[in-house]
């Protein structure tokens, strides 16, 4: 609220959550390291959690209007505003530092937003104030990554001495079946996608899962193995690779060499001048 109030109305507030919540998550990492609450290694681990959540969100490419429409009915839409805004803030911080040869970062814009004393939602003033303070026009970036929902691919040097941002691919997880708990608390298959990997492996409605032996939900790089009870009472083991053969792309930070507290990483995250 020190930067200015929300626009009145629930939908207008949600439309700005990428800034009010996502930028807050970015600044939390900065304040945590600057204040000594946690070290640089912890901050990078926190960043990697956010990057992976953003990379593999089931609604990753949704436009900002999708967040507004699905916020109260969908947990993935609720989370999207947070990690999208945090990653976008990381991109702006990097671009500002590169543009200014390290003499400015996102902090300069945030302080300027506070000092203007203007009323109204600060998210709507971000583009103008960023250009006034840094000379950068970010209007096209806001439109692409926030309004339209195009995922942010951070430059590999976004975190300096902290490490390298690596883009990677992994098999897309496709469970291919759905089930529910019966009155006895057992998980029983109720439907299997006939074109999916579970059907090809022989899974069928009516089977009861007695336990997982291998793999984990969401991991399509290894076989998922289950102990299954068939409708005739026979217990057997069944396995399959839960993917349709396609891939999904993500990004994470490969930590740099040396002590991240002293090699310049902590200074970068904390927002200290780099020159």
C-alpha atoms as a PDB file:
ATOM      1  CA  UNK A   1       0.000   0.000   0.000  1.00  0.00           C
ATOM      2  CA  UNK A   2       2.999   2.341   0.420  1.00  0.00           C
ATOM      3  CA  UNK A   3       3.288   2.363  -3.394  1.00  0.00           C
ATOM      4  CA  UNK A   4      -0.353   3.312  -3.894  1.00  0.00           C
ATOM      5  CA  UNK A   5      -3.700   1.608  -3.511  1.00  0.00           C
ATOM      6  CA  UNK A   6      -5.434  -1.050  -5.554  1.00  0.00           C
ATOM      7  CA  UNK A   7      -7.970  -0.132  -8.184  1.00  0.00           C
ATOM      8  CA  UNK A   8     -11.386  -0.665  -6.661  1.00  0.00           C
ATOM      9  CA  UNK A   9     -13.064  -3.979  -7.467  1.00  0.00           C
ATOM     10  CA  UNK A  10     -12.079  -7.600  -6.990  1.00  0.00           C
ATOM     11  CA  UNK A  11     -11.303  -8.313 -10.659  1.00  0.00           C
ATOM     12  CA  UNK A  12      -9.090  -5.233 -10.983  1.00  0.00           C
ATOM     13  CA  UNK A  13      -7.129  -6.272  -7.894  1.00  0.00           C
ATOM     14  CA  UNK A  14      -6.608  -9.805  -9.179  1.00  0.00           C
ATOM     15  CA  UNK A  15      -5.464  -8.424 -12.533  1.00  0.00           C
ATOM     16  CA  UNK A  16      -2.599  -6.703 -10.696  1.00  0.00           C
ATOM     17  CA  UNK A  17      -1.595  -9.639  -8.469  1.00  0.00           C
ATOM     18  CA  UNK A  18       1.392 -10.355 -10.752  1.00  0.00           C
ATOM     19  CA  UNK A  19       2.797  -7.089  -9.363  1.00  0.00           C
ATOM     20  CA  UNK A  20       1.398  -6.838  -5.832  1.00  0.00           C
ATOM     21  CA  UNK A  21       2.145 -10.500  -5.029  1.00  0.00           C
ATOM     22  CA  UNK A  22       4.786 -11.594  -7.552  1.00  0.00           C
ATOM     23  CA  UNK A  23       7.039  -8.559  -7.098  1.00  0.00           C
ATOM     24  CA  UNK A  24       6.622  -8.945  -3.329  1.00  0.00           C
ATOM     25  CA  UNK A  25       7.965 -12.502  -3.607  1.00  0.00           C
ATOM     26  CA  UNK A  26      10.947 -11.182  -5.590  1.00  0.00           C
ATOM     27  CA  UNK A  27      11.642  -8.497  -3.003  1.00  0.00           C
ATOM     28  CA  UNK A  28      11.279 -11.027  -0.182  1.00  0.00           C
ATOM     29  CA  UNK A  29      14.349 -12.867  -1.510  1.00  0.00           C
ATOM     30  CA  UNK A  30      16.193  -9.557  -1.745  1.00  0.00           C
ATOM     31  CA  UNK A  31      15.246  -8.444   1.757  1.00  0.00           C
ATOM     32  CA  UNK A  32      15.999 -11.857   3.220  1.00  0.00           C
ATOM     33  CA  UNK A  33      19.589 -11.862   2.002  1.00  0.00           C
ATOM     34  CA  UNK A  34      20.124  -8.144   2.634  1.00  0.00           C
ATOM     35  CA  UNK A  35      18.886  -8.500   6.204  1.00  0.00           C
ATOM     36  CA  UNK A  36      20.783 -11.712   6.897  1.00  0.00           C
ATOM     37  CA  UNK A  37      17.603 -13.745   7.407  1.00  0.00           C
ATOM     38  CA  UNK A  38      18.955 -16.380   5.020  1.00  0.00           C
ATOM     39  CA  UNK A  39      22.045 -16.903   2.905  1.00  0.00           C
ATOM     40  CA  UNK A  40      22.484 -16.774  -0.836  1.00  0.00           C
ATOM     41  CA  UNK A  41      22.284 -20.556  -1.167  1.00  0.00           C
ATOM     42  CA  UNK A  42      18.841 -20.532   0.424  1.00  0.00           C
ATOM     43  CA  UNK A  43      17.699 -17.708  -1.844  1.00  0.00           C
ATOM     44  CA  UNK A  44      18.832 -19.611  -4.950  1.00  0.00           C
ATOM     45  CA  UNK A  45      17.000 -22.717  -3.700  1.00  0.00           C
ATOM     46  CA  UNK A  46      13.879 -20.575  -3.245  1.00  0.00           C
ATOM     47  CA  UNK A  47      14.327 -19.188  -6.742  1.00  0.00           C
ATOM     48  CA  UNK A  48      14.603 -22.675  -8.195  1.00  0.00           C
ATOM     49  CA  UNK A  49      11.345 -23.685  -6.532  1.00  0.00           C
ATOM     50  CA  UNK A  50       9.618 -20.678  -8.108  1.00  0.00           C
ATOM     51  CA  UNK A  51      11.194 -21.302 -11.533  1.00  0.00           C
ATOM     52  CA  UNK A  52      10.144 -24.947 -11.569  1.00  0.00           C
ATOM     53  CA  UNK A  53       6.631 -24.098 -10.430  1.00  0.00           C
ATOM     54  CA  UNK A  54       6.412 -21.513 -13.195  1.00  0.00           C
ATOM     55  CA  UNK A  55       7.901 -23.858 -15.786  1.00  0.00           C
ATOM     56  CA  UNK A  56       5.490 -26.701 -15.168  1.00  0.00           C
ATOM     57  CA  UNK A  57       2.296 -24.952 -14.167  1.00  0.00           C
ATOM     58  CA  UNK A  58      -0.643 -26.568 -16.019  1.00  0.00           C
ATOM     59  CA  UNK A  59      -1.871 -23.056 -16.900  1.00  0.00           C
ATOM     60  CA  UNK A  60       1.549 -21.563 -17.597  1.00  0.00           C
ATOM     61  CA  UNK A  61       0.725 -19.801 -20.857  1.00  0.00           C
ATOM     62  CA  UNK A  62      -2.648 -18.400 -19.802  1.00  0.00           C
ATOM     63  CA  UNK A  63      -3.189 -14.664 -20.349  1.00  0.00           C
ATOM     64  CA  UNK A  64      -3.672 -12.364 -17.400  1.00  0.00           C
ATOM     65  CA  UNK A  65      -7.405 -12.388 -18.099  1.00  0.00           C
ATOM     66  CA  UNK A  66      -7.312 -16.137 -17.447  1.00  0.00           C
ATOM     67  CA  UNK A  67      -5.944 -15.508 -13.969  1.00  0.00           C
ATOM     68  CA  UNK A  68      -8.799 -13.101 -13.314  1.00  0.00           C
ATOM     69  CA  UNK A  69     -11.395 -15.579 -14.531  1.00  0.00           C
ATOM     70  CA  UNK A  70      -9.994 -18.659 -12.817  1.00  0.00           C
ATOM     71  CA  UNK A  71      -8.506 -17.247  -9.620  1.00  0.00           C
ATOM     72  CA  UNK A  72     -11.306 -18.251  -7.234  1.00  0.00           C
ATOM     73  CA  UNK A  73     -11.937 -21.680  -8.745  1.00  0.00           C
ATOM     74  CA  UNK A  74      -8.466 -22.980  -9.607  1.00  0.00           C
ATOM     75  CA  UNK A  75      -5.368 -23.312  -7.428  1.00  0.00           C
ATOM     76  CA  UNK A  76      -3.020 -23.285 -10.473  1.00  0.00           C
ATOM     77  CA  UNK A  77      -4.488 -19.934 -11.574  1.00  0.00           C
ATOM     78  CA  UNK A  78      -4.079 -18.580  -8.046  1.00  0.00           C
ATOM     79  CA  UNK A  79      -0.412 -19.547  -7.991  1.00  0.00           C
ATOM     80  CA  UNK A  80       0.255 -18.350 -11.546  1.00  0.00           C
ATOM     81  CA  UNK A  81       0.093 -14.674 -10.598  1.00  0.00           C
ATOM     82  CA  UNK A  82       2.708 -15.204  -7.883  1.00  0.00           C
ATOM     83  CA  UNK A  83       5.414 -17.118  -9.759  1.00  0.00           C
ATOM     84  CA  UNK A  84       4.818 -15.308 -13.065  1.00  0.00           C
ATOM     85  CA  UNK A  85       5.267 -11.952 -11.354  1.00  0.00           C
ATOM     86  CA  UNK A  86       8.378 -13.100  -9.473  1.00  0.00           C
ATOM     87  CA  UNK A  87      10.088 -14.395 -12.620  1.00  0.00           C
ATOM     88  CA  UNK A  88       9.109 -11.254 -14.543  1.00  0.00           C
ATOM     89  CA  UNK A  89      10.590  -9.112 -11.766  1.00  0.00           C
ATOM     90  CA  UNK A  90      13.798 -11.130 -12.068  1.00  0.00           C
ATOM     91  CA  UNK A  91      13.891 -10.382 -15.793  1.00  0.00           C
ATOM     92  CA  UNK A  92      13.394  -6.646 -15.253  1.00  0.00           C
ATOM     93  CA  UNK A  93      16.039  -6.559 -12.519  1.00  0.00           C
ATOM     94  CA  UNK A  94      18.531  -8.167 -14.909  1.00  0.00           C
ATOM     95  CA  UNK A  95      17.660  -5.889 -17.832  1.00  0.00           C
ATOM     96  CA  UNK A  96      17.962  -2.767 -15.701  1.00  0.00           C
ATOM     97  CA  UNK A  97      21.359  -3.848 -14.364  1.00  0.00           C
ATOM     98  CA  UNK A  98      22.621  -4.611 -17.885  1.00  0.00           C
ATOM     99  CA  UNK A  99      21.278  -1.326 -19.265  1.00  0.00           C
ATOM    100  CA  UNK A 100      22.900   0.708 -16.471  1.00  0.00           C
ATOM    101  CA  UNK A 101      26.176  -1.253 -16.280  1.00  0.00           C
ATOM    102  CA  UNK A 102      25.243  -2.349 -12.787  1.00  0.00           C
ATOM    103  CA  UNK A 103      24.526   1.087 -11.347  1.00  0.00           C
ATOM    104  CA  UNK A 104      20.748   0.519 -11.118  1.00  0.00           C
ATOM    105  CA  UNK A 105      18.392  -2.355 -10.515  1.00  0.00           C
ATOM    106  CA  UNK A 106      14.699  -2.906  -9.852  1.00  0.00           C
ATOM    107  CA  UNK A 107      15.029  -1.292  -6.423  1.00  0.00           C
ATOM    108  CA  UNK A 108      15.472   2.102  -8.070  1.00  0.00           C
ATOM    109  CA  UNK A 109      12.136   1.725  -9.817  1.00  0.00           C
ATOM    110  CA  UNK A 110      10.367   0.516  -6.683  1.00  0.00           C
ATOM    111  CA  UNK A 111      11.678   3.427  -4.633  1.00  0.00           C
ATOM    112  CA  UNK A 112      10.586   5.844  -7.358  1.00  0.00           C
ATOM    113  CA  UNK A 113       7.098   4.325  -7.348  1.00  0.00           C
ATOM    114  CA  UNK A 114       6.916   4.958  -3.619  1.00  0.00           C
ATOM    115  CA  UNK A 115       8.302   8.469  -3.769  1.00  0.00           C
ATOM    116  CA  UNK A 116       5.922   9.755  -6.429  1.00  0.00           C
ATOM    117  CA  UNK A 117       3.131   9.733  -3.878  1.00  0.00           C
ATOM    118  CA  UNK A 118       0.595   9.096  -6.634  1.00  0.00           C
ATOM    119  CA  UNK A 119      -2.698   7.398  -5.937  1.00  0.00           C
ATOM    120  CA  UNK A 120      -3.885   4.354  -7.840  1.00  0.00           C
ATOM    121  CA  UNK A 121      -2.493   0.930  -8.593  1.00  0.00           C
ATOM    122  CA  UNK A 122       1.317   0.970  -8.949  1.00  0.00           C
ATOM    123  CA  UNK A 123       1.204  -1.853 -11.511  1.00  0.00           C
ATOM    124  CA  UNK A 124      -0.409   0.599 -13.929  1.00  0.00           C
ATOM    125  CA  UNK A 125       2.454   3.071 -13.369  1.00  0.00           C
ATOM    126  CA  UNK A 126       5.318   0.579 -13.589  1.00  0.00           C
ATOM    127  CA  UNK A 127       6.020   1.032 -17.312  1.00  0.00           C
ATOM    128  CA  UNK A 128       6.087   4.819 -17.152  1.00  0.00           C
ATOM    129  CA  UNK A 129       8.195   5.029 -13.998  1.00  0.00           C
ATOM    130  CA  UNK A 130      10.658   2.403 -15.244  1.00  0.00           C
ATOM    131  CA  UNK A 131      11.307   4.455 -18.370  1.00  0.00           C
ATOM    132  CA  UNK A 132      11.607   7.687 -16.390  1.00  0.00           C
ATOM    133  CA  UNK A 133      14.119   6.180 -13.961  1.00  0.00           C
ATOM    134  CA  UNK A 134      16.138   3.834 -16.178  1.00  0.00           C
ATOM    135  CA  UNK A 135      15.407   4.801 -19.779  1.00  0.00           C
ATOM    136  CA  UNK A 136      14.046   1.335 -20.527  1.00  0.00           C
ATOM    137  CA  UNK A 137      10.717   0.927 -22.314  1.00  0.00           C
ATOM    138  CA  UNK A 138       9.193  -2.273 -20.886  1.00  0.00           C
ATOM    139  CA  UNK A 139       5.718  -1.827 -22.368  1.00  0.00           C
ATOM    140  CA  UNK A 140       6.225  -4.593 -24.942  1.00  0.00           C
ATOM    141  CA  UNK A 141       7.538  -6.977 -22.247  1.00  0.00           C
ATOM    142  CA  UNK A 142       4.542  -6.318 -20.004  1.00  0.00           C
ATOM    143  CA  UNK A 143       2.177  -6.964 -22.893  1.00  0.00           C
ATOM    144  CA  UNK A 144       3.905 -10.204 -23.975  1.00  0.00           C
ATOM    145  CA  UNK A 145       4.691 -11.812 -20.637  1.00  0.00           C
ATOM    146  CA  UNK A 146       1.999 -10.453 -18.331  1.00  0.00           C
ATOM    147  CA  UNK A 147      -1.025  -9.639 -20.456  1.00  0.00           C
ATOM    148  CA  UNK A 148      -0.608 -12.335 -23.116  1.00  0.00           C
ATOM    149  CA  UNK A 149       1.065 -14.905 -20.851  1.00  0.00           C
ATOM    150  CA  UNK A 150       4.142 -15.753 -22.941  1.00  0.00           C
ATOM    151  CA  UNK A 151       6.505 -17.556 -20.516  1.00  0.00           C
ATOM    152  CA  UNK A 152       9.684 -15.722 -19.518  1.00  0.00           C
ATOM    153  CA  UNK A 153      12.932 -17.420 -20.510  1.00  0.00           C
ATOM    154  CA  UNK A 154      15.512 -15.748 -18.284  1.00  0.00           C
ATOM    155  CA  UNK A 155      18.912 -14.996 -19.870  1.00  0.00           C
ATOM    156  CA  UNK A 156      21.537 -17.459 -18.680  1.00  0.00           C
ATOM    157  CA  UNK A 157      23.515 -14.736 -16.881  1.00  0.00           C
ATOM    158  CA  UNK A 158      20.519 -13.311 -14.989  1.00  0.00           C
ATOM    159  CA  UNK A 159      21.972 -14.300 -11.617  1.00  0.00           C
ATOM    160  CA  UNK A 160      25.614 -13.453 -12.217  1.00  0.00           C
ATOM    161  CA  UNK A 161      27.976 -15.244  -9.846  1.00  0.00           C
ATOM    162  CA  UNK A 162      25.047 -17.136  -8.317  1.00  0.00           C
ATOM    163  CA  UNK A 163      25.068 -19.491 -11.275  1.00  0.00           C
ATOM    164  CA  UNK A 164      23.754 -20.073 -14.770  1.00  0.00           C
ATOM    165  CA  UNK A 165      20.109 -20.209 -15.771  1.00  0.00           C
ATOM    166  CA  UNK A 166      19.744 -23.441 -17.734  1.00  0.00           C
ATOM    167  CA  UNK A 167      16.880 -24.204 -20.080  1.00  0.00           C
ATOM    168  CA  UNK A 168      16.044 -27.919 -20.128  1.00  0.00           C
ATOM    169  CA  UNK A 169      13.510 -30.410 -21.402  1.00  0.00           C
ATOM    170  CA  UNK A 170      11.809 -33.303 -19.667  1.00  0.00           C
ATOM    171  CA  UNK A 171       9.121 -35.808 -20.693  1.00  0.00           C
ATOM    172  CA  UNK A 172       5.621 -34.427 -20.268  1.00  0.00           C
ATOM    173  CA  UNK A 173       3.760 -36.181 -17.450  1.00  0.00           C
ATOM    174  CA  UNK A 174       0.457 -37.696 -18.585  1.00  0.00           C
ATOM    175  CA  UNK A 175      -1.236 -39.812 -15.926  1.00  0.00           C
ATOM    176  CA  UNK A 176      -3.823 -41.156 -18.334  1.00  0.00           C
ATOM    177  CA  UNK A 177      -6.312 -42.380 -15.732  1.00  0.00           C
ATOM    178  CA  UNK A 178      -8.556 -41.142 -12.923  1.00  0.00           C
ATOM    179  CA  UNK A 179      -9.808 -42.715  -9.757  1.00  0.00           C
ATOM    180  CA  UNK A 180     -11.540 -42.046  -6.468  1.00  0.00           C
ATOM    181  CA  UNK A 181     -11.692 -43.390  -2.934  1.00  0.00           C
ATOM    182  CA  UNK A 182     -14.428 -45.884  -2.156  1.00  0.00           C
ATOM    183  CA  UNK A 183     -16.179 -46.203   1.212  1.00  0.00           C
ATOM    184  CA  UNK A 184     -13.335 -48.382   2.458  1.00  0.00           C
ATOM    185  CA  UNK A 185     -10.807 -45.693   1.575  1.00  0.00           C
ATOM    186  CA  UNK A 186      -9.352 -47.658  -1.325  1.00  0.00           C
ATOM    187  CA  UNK A 187      -8.312 -45.906  -4.528  1.00  0.00           C
ATOM    188  CA  UNK A 188     -10.278 -47.417  -7.418  1.00  0.00           C
ATOM    189  CA  UNK A 189      -9.822 -46.548 -11.090  1.00  0.00           C
ATOM    190  CA  UNK A 190     -12.985 -45.083 -12.573  1.00  0.00           C
ATOM    191  CA  UNK A 191     -11.748 -44.047 -16.022  1.00  0.00           C
ATOM    192  CA  UNK A 192      -8.754 -44.624 -18.284  1.00  0.00           C
ATOM    193  CA  UNK A 193      -7.975 -42.535 -21.360  1.00  0.00           C
ATOM    194  CA  UNK A 194      -8.156 -45.073 -24.209  1.00  0.00           C
ATOM    195  CA  UNK A 195      -5.485 -43.167 -26.133  1.00  0.00           C
ATOM    196  CA  UNK A 196      -3.179 -42.624 -23.159  1.00  0.00           C
ATOM    197  CA  UNK A 197      -0.175 -44.512 -21.769  1.00  0.00           C
ATOM    198  CA  UNK A 198      -2.097 -46.174 -18.911  1.00  0.00           C
ATOM    199  CA  UNK A 199      -4.525 -47.910 -21.286  1.00  0.00           C
ATOM    200  CA  UNK A 200      -1.649 -49.149 -23.430  1.00  0.00           C
ATOM    201  CA  UNK A 201      -0.120 -50.731 -20.313  1.00  0.00           C
ATOM    202  CA  UNK A 202      -3.326 -52.585 -19.470  1.00  0.00           C
ATOM    203  CA  UNK A 203      -4.840 -50.438 -16.742  1.00  0.00           C
ATOM    204  CA  UNK A 204      -8.654 -50.550 -16.733  1.00  0.00           C
ATOM    205  CA  UNK A 205     -11.575 -49.177 -14.703  1.00  0.00           C
ATOM    206  CA  UNK A 206     -12.412 -51.242 -11.646  1.00  0.00           C
ATOM    207  CA  UNK A 207      -8.816 -51.958 -10.633  1.00  0.00           C
ATOM    208  CA  UNK A 208      -7.891 -51.103  -7.054  1.00  0.00           C
ATOM    209  CA  UNK A 209      -4.500 -49.598  -6.243  1.00  0.00           C
ATOM    210  CA  UNK A 210      -2.929 -51.155  -3.152  1.00  0.00           C
ATOM    211  CA  UNK A 211       0.239 -49.101  -3.274  1.00  0.00           C
ATOM    212  CA  UNK A 212       2.953 -47.462  -5.331  1.00  0.00           C
ATOM    213  CA  UNK A 213       6.195 -49.420  -5.643  1.00  0.00           C
ATOM    214  CA  UNK A 214       8.185 -47.178  -7.963  1.00  0.00           C
ATOM    215  CA  UNK A 215       8.166 -43.724  -9.492  1.00  0.00           C
ATOM    216  CA  UNK A 216       6.256 -40.705  -8.245  1.00  0.00           C
ATOM    217  CA  UNK A 217       3.311 -38.612  -9.376  1.00  0.00           C
ATOM    218  CA  UNK A 218       4.464 -35.943 -11.801  1.00  0.00           C
ATOM    219  CA  UNK A 219       7.696 -37.724 -12.759  1.00  0.00           C
ATOM    220  CA  UNK A 220       7.613 -39.020 -16.324  1.00  0.00           C
ATOM    221  CA  UNK A 221      11.328 -39.812 -16.534  1.00  0.00           C
ATOM    222  CA  UNK A 222      10.956 -43.209 -14.818  1.00  0.00           C
ATOM    223  CA  UNK A 223       8.331 -45.954 -14.756  1.00  0.00           C
ATOM    224  CA  UNK A 224       5.459 -45.713 -12.286  1.00  0.00           C
ATOM    225  CA  UNK A 225       4.963 -49.123 -10.676  1.00  0.00           C
ATOM    226  CA  UNK A 226       1.842 -50.103  -8.695  1.00  0.00           C
ATOM    227  CA  UNK A 227       0.519 -53.056  -6.763  1.00  0.00           C
ATOM    228  CA  UNK A 228      -2.971 -53.521  -8.198  1.00  0.00           C
ATOM    229  CA  UNK A 229      -5.919 -55.728  -7.236  1.00  0.00           C
ATOM    230  CA  UNK A 230      -8.004 -56.837 -10.175  1.00  0.00           C
ATOM    231  CA  UNK A 231     -11.773 -57.198 -10.007  1.00  0.00           C
ATOM    232  CA  UNK A 232     -11.431 -60.997  -9.581  1.00  0.00           C
ATOM    233  CA  UNK A 233      -9.286 -60.443  -6.483  1.00  0.00           C
ATOM    234  CA  UNK A 234      -5.937 -61.215  -8.104  1.00  0.00           C
ATOM    235  CA  UNK A 235      -3.094 -58.966  -6.906  1.00  0.00           C
ATOM    236  CA  UNK A 236      -0.357 -58.121  -9.402  1.00  0.00           C
ATOM    237  CA  UNK A 237       2.249 -55.501 -10.207  1.00  0.00           C
ATOM    238  CA  UNK A 238       1.727 -53.186 -13.168  1.00  0.00           C
ATOM    239  CA  UNK A 239       3.989 -50.489 -14.544  1.00  0.00           C
ATOM    240  CA  UNK A 240       4.030 -47.873 -17.284  1.00  0.00           C
ATOM    241  CA  UNK A 241       5.855 -44.712 -18.312  1.00  0.00           C
ATOM    242  CA  UNK A 242       3.364 -41.867 -17.655  1.00  0.00           C
ATOM    243  CA  UNK A 243       4.035 -39.734 -20.731  1.00  0.00           C
ATOM    244  CA  UNK A 244       2.640 -39.256 -24.214  1.00  0.00           C
ATOM    245  CA  UNK A 245       6.120 -38.880 -25.692  1.00  0.00           C
ATOM    246  CA  UNK A 246       6.055 -35.087 -25.839  1.00  0.00           C
ATOM    247  CA  UNK A 247       8.356 -32.831 -23.829  1.00  0.00           C
ATOM    248  CA  UNK A 248       7.917 -29.734 -21.697  1.00  0.00           C
ATOM    249  CA  UNK A 249      10.539 -27.042 -21.235  1.00  0.00           C
ATOM    250  CA  UNK A 250      11.683 -25.556 -17.966  1.00  0.00           C
ATOM    251  CA  UNK A 251      14.463 -23.493 -16.469  1.00  0.00           C
ATOM    252  CA  UNK A 252      16.480 -23.609 -13.283  1.00  0.00           C
ATOM    253  CA  UNK A 253      19.640 -22.133 -11.826  1.00  0.00           C
ATOM    254  CA  UNK A 254      22.785 -24.247 -11.770  1.00  0.00           C
ATOM    255  CA  UNK A 255      24.656 -22.825  -8.722  1.00  0.00           C
ATOM    256  CA  UNK A 256      28.003 -21.207  -9.470  1.00  0.00           C
ATOM    257  CA  UNK A 257      31.392 -22.165  -8.130  1.00  0.00           C
ATOM    258  CA  UNK A 258      32.776 -20.934  -4.854  1.00  0.00           C
ATOM    259  CA  UNK A 259      31.050 -19.484  -1.811  1.00  0.00           C
ATOM    260  CA  UNK A 260      27.854 -17.777  -2.965  1.00  0.00           C
ATOM    261  CA  UNK A 261      28.000 -15.542   0.093  1.00  0.00           C
ATOM    262  CA  UNK A 262      31.337 -14.010  -0.888  1.00  0.00           C
ATOM    263  CA  UNK A 263      31.668 -14.406  -4.660  1.00  0.00           C
ATOM    264  CA  UNK A 264      29.231 -11.592  -5.499  1.00  0.00           C
ATOM    265  CA  UNK A 265      26.058 -13.671  -5.540  1.00  0.00           C
ATOM    266  CA  UNK A 266      24.748 -12.459  -2.183  1.00  0.00           C
ATOM    267  CA  UNK A 267      25.450  -8.842  -3.183  1.00  0.00           C
ATOM    268  CA  UNK A 268      23.486  -9.262  -6.415  1.00  0.00           C
ATOM    269  CA  UNK A 269      20.452 -10.818  -4.733  1.00  0.00           C
ATOM    270  CA  UNK A 270      20.553  -8.200  -1.978  1.00  0.00           C
ATOM    271  CA  UNK A 271      20.500  -5.409  -4.552  1.00  0.00           C
ATOM    272  CA  UNK A 272      23.851  -3.918  -3.666  1.00  0.00           C
ATOM    273  CA  UNK A 273      25.735  -1.951  -6.351  1.00  0.00           C
ATOM    274  CA  UNK A 274      27.945  -4.203  -8.499  1.00  0.00           C
ATOM    275  CA  UNK A 275      30.400  -1.540  -9.648  1.00  0.00           C
END
